Amino acid sequence: MHIADPDYINPVFAFPYRGVTIQITSDTHLGTKIYTAWVDYATGSAVAVPKAYSRNEAITRAKRWVTKKFTF
C-alpha cells in the first residue's frame, strides 16, 4: 500500500462534508496516478482512503467512511 506523502499533504481538492473536511491528494506510485482521502475533524485527522485510482472514487469512499465512523 502506498499513501501519497503522509507527512505534508498537498490537497488538490478539499470540501466540507457533514461537519468534517475531506481533502483529496494525488501522487504517482510505480507510474500510476493515485489519490488519497484525508478527513479532518474536531479532534484530529485520519486517512479515510489510502489509495484510489480516481478522484471520484476517493471522494465516494471518503464520504462512506465519514458516514460509517461518525454519528450524526
C-alpha atoms as a PDB file:
ATOM      1  CA  MET A   1       0.000   0.000   0.000  1.00  0.00           C
ATOM      2  CA  HIS A   2       1.201   3.498  -0.741  1.00  0.00           C
ATOM      3  CA  ILE A   3      -0.020   6.729   0.834  1.00  0.00           C
ATOM      4  CA  ALA A   4       0.708   9.944  -1.028  1.00  0.00           C
ATOM      5  CA  ASP A   5       3.387  11.704   1.109  1.00  0.00           C
ATOM      6  CA  PRO A   6       1.690  11.434   4.522  1.00  0.00           C
ATOM      7  CA  ASP A   7       3.918  13.966   6.325  1.00  0.00           C
ATOM      8  CA  TYR A   8       2.997  17.034   4.283  1.00  0.00           C
ATOM      9  CA  ILE A   9      -0.220  16.720   2.378  1.00  0.00           C
ATOM     10  CA  ASN A  10      -0.832  18.952  -0.592  1.00  0.00           C
ATOM     11  CA  PRO A  11      -4.568  18.745  -1.267  1.00  0.00           C
ATOM     12  CA  VAL A  12      -5.701  19.126  -4.845  1.00  0.00           C
ATOM     13  CA  PHE A  13      -9.330  19.282  -3.755  1.00  0.00           C
ATOM     14  CA  ALA A  14     -10.996  19.872  -0.371  1.00  0.00           C
ATOM     15  CA  PHE A  15     -14.586  20.341   0.730  1.00  0.00           C
ATOM     16  CA  PRO A  16     -16.734  20.285   3.880  1.00  0.00           C
ATOM     17  CA  TYR A  17     -18.921  17.235   4.419  1.00  0.00           C
ATOM     18  CA  ARG A  18     -21.169  16.617   7.439  1.00  0.00           C
ATOM     19  CA  GLY A  19     -19.099  18.726   9.806  1.00  0.00           C
ATOM     20  CA  VAL A  20     -15.673  17.455   8.689  1.00  0.00           C
ATOM     21  CA  THR A  21     -13.338  18.441   5.872  1.00  0.00           C
ATOM     22  CA  ILE A  22     -12.392  15.895   3.228  1.00  0.00           C
ATOM     23  CA  GLN A  23      -9.083  16.564   1.482  1.00  0.00           C
ATOM     24  CA  ILE A  24      -8.011  14.721  -1.654  1.00  0.00           C
ATOM     25  CA  THR A  25      -4.318  14.451  -2.500  1.00  0.00           C
ATOM     26  CA  SER A  26      -2.699  12.934  -5.555  1.00  0.00           C
ATOM     27  CA  ASP A  27       0.635  11.310  -6.219  1.00  0.00           C
ATOM     28  CA  THR A  28       2.251   8.830  -8.570  1.00  0.00           C
ATOM     29  CA  HIS A  29       3.185   5.337  -7.440  1.00  0.00           C
ATOM     30  CA  LEU A  30       5.015   2.995  -9.821  1.00  0.00           C
ATOM     31  CA  GLY A  31       3.944   5.173 -12.733  1.00  0.00           C
ATOM     32  CA  THR A  32       0.248   5.158 -11.818  1.00  0.00           C
ATOM     33  CA  LYS A  33      -1.592   8.223 -10.541  1.00  0.00           C
ATOM     34  CA  ILE A  34      -3.257   7.542  -7.190  1.00  0.00           C
ATOM     35  CA  TYR A  35      -5.439   9.566  -4.855  1.00  0.00           C
ATOM     36  CA  THR A  36      -5.633   9.582  -1.062  1.00  0.00           C
ATOM     37  CA  ALA A  37      -8.505  10.981   1.006  1.00  0.00           C
ATOM     38  CA  TRP A  38      -7.836  12.607   4.361  1.00  0.00           C
ATOM     39  CA  VAL A  39     -10.563  13.602   6.809  1.00  0.00           C
ATOM     40  CA  ASP A  40     -10.035  16.489   9.232  1.00  0.00           C
ATOM     41  CA  TYR A  41     -12.407  16.621  12.206  1.00  0.00           C
ATOM     42  CA  ALA A  42     -12.620  18.472  15.521  1.00  0.00           C
ATOM     43  CA  THR A  43     -10.101  16.325  17.419  1.00  0.00           C
ATOM     44  CA  GLY A  44      -7.707  15.256  14.668  1.00  0.00           C
ATOM     45  CA  SER A  45      -7.409  13.816  11.194  1.00  0.00           C
ATOM     46  CA  ALA A  46      -7.314  10.399   9.577  1.00  0.00           C
ATOM     47  CA  VAL A  47      -6.612   8.742   6.271  1.00  0.00           C
ATOM     48  CA  ALA A  48     -10.028   7.560   5.126  1.00  0.00           C
ATOM     49  CA  VAL A  49      -8.904   6.194   1.754  1.00  0.00           C
ATOM     50  CA  PRO A  50      -5.235   5.204   1.465  1.00  0.00           C
ATOM     51  CA  LYS A  51      -5.363   4.537  -2.271  1.00  0.00           C
ATOM     52  CA  ALA A  52      -7.878   5.159  -5.042  1.00  0.00           C
ATOM     53  CA  TYR A  53      -7.356   5.232  -8.788  1.00  0.00           C
ATOM     54  CA  SER A  54      -9.616   8.224  -9.494  1.00  0.00           C
ATOM     55  CA  ARG A  55     -10.603  11.393  -7.692  1.00  0.00           C
ATOM     56  CA  ASN A  56     -14.268  10.400  -7.835  1.00  0.00           C
ATOM     57  CA  GLU A  57     -13.516   7.008  -6.261  1.00  0.00           C
ATOM     58  CA  ALA A  58     -11.575   8.697  -3.444  1.00  0.00           C
ATOM     59  CA  ILE A  59     -14.424  11.138  -2.780  1.00  0.00           C
ATOM     60  CA  THR A  60     -17.111   8.446  -2.789  1.00  0.00           C
ATOM     61  CA  ARG A  61     -15.165   6.156  -0.473  1.00  0.00           C
ATOM     62  CA  ALA A  62     -14.279   9.053   1.877  1.00  0.00           C
ATOM     63  CA  LYS A  63     -17.953  10.029   2.179  1.00  0.00           C
ATOM     64  CA  ARG A  64     -18.822   6.400   3.021  1.00  0.00           C
ATOM     65  CA  TRP A  65     -16.030   6.341   5.604  1.00  0.00           C
ATOM     66  CA  VAL A  66     -17.331   9.510   7.281  1.00  0.00           C
ATOM     67  CA  THR A  67     -20.904   8.189   7.343  1.00  0.00           C
ATOM     68  CA  LYS A  68     -19.710   4.910   8.884  1.00  0.00           C
ATOM     69  CA  LYS A  69     -17.339   6.377  11.507  1.00  0.00           C
ATOM     70  CA  PHE A  70     -19.286   9.403  12.757  1.00  0.00           C
ATOM     71  CA  THR A  71     -22.718   9.683  14.374  1.00  0.00           C
ATOM     72  CA  PHE A  72     -24.895  12.480  13.029  1.00  0.00           C
END
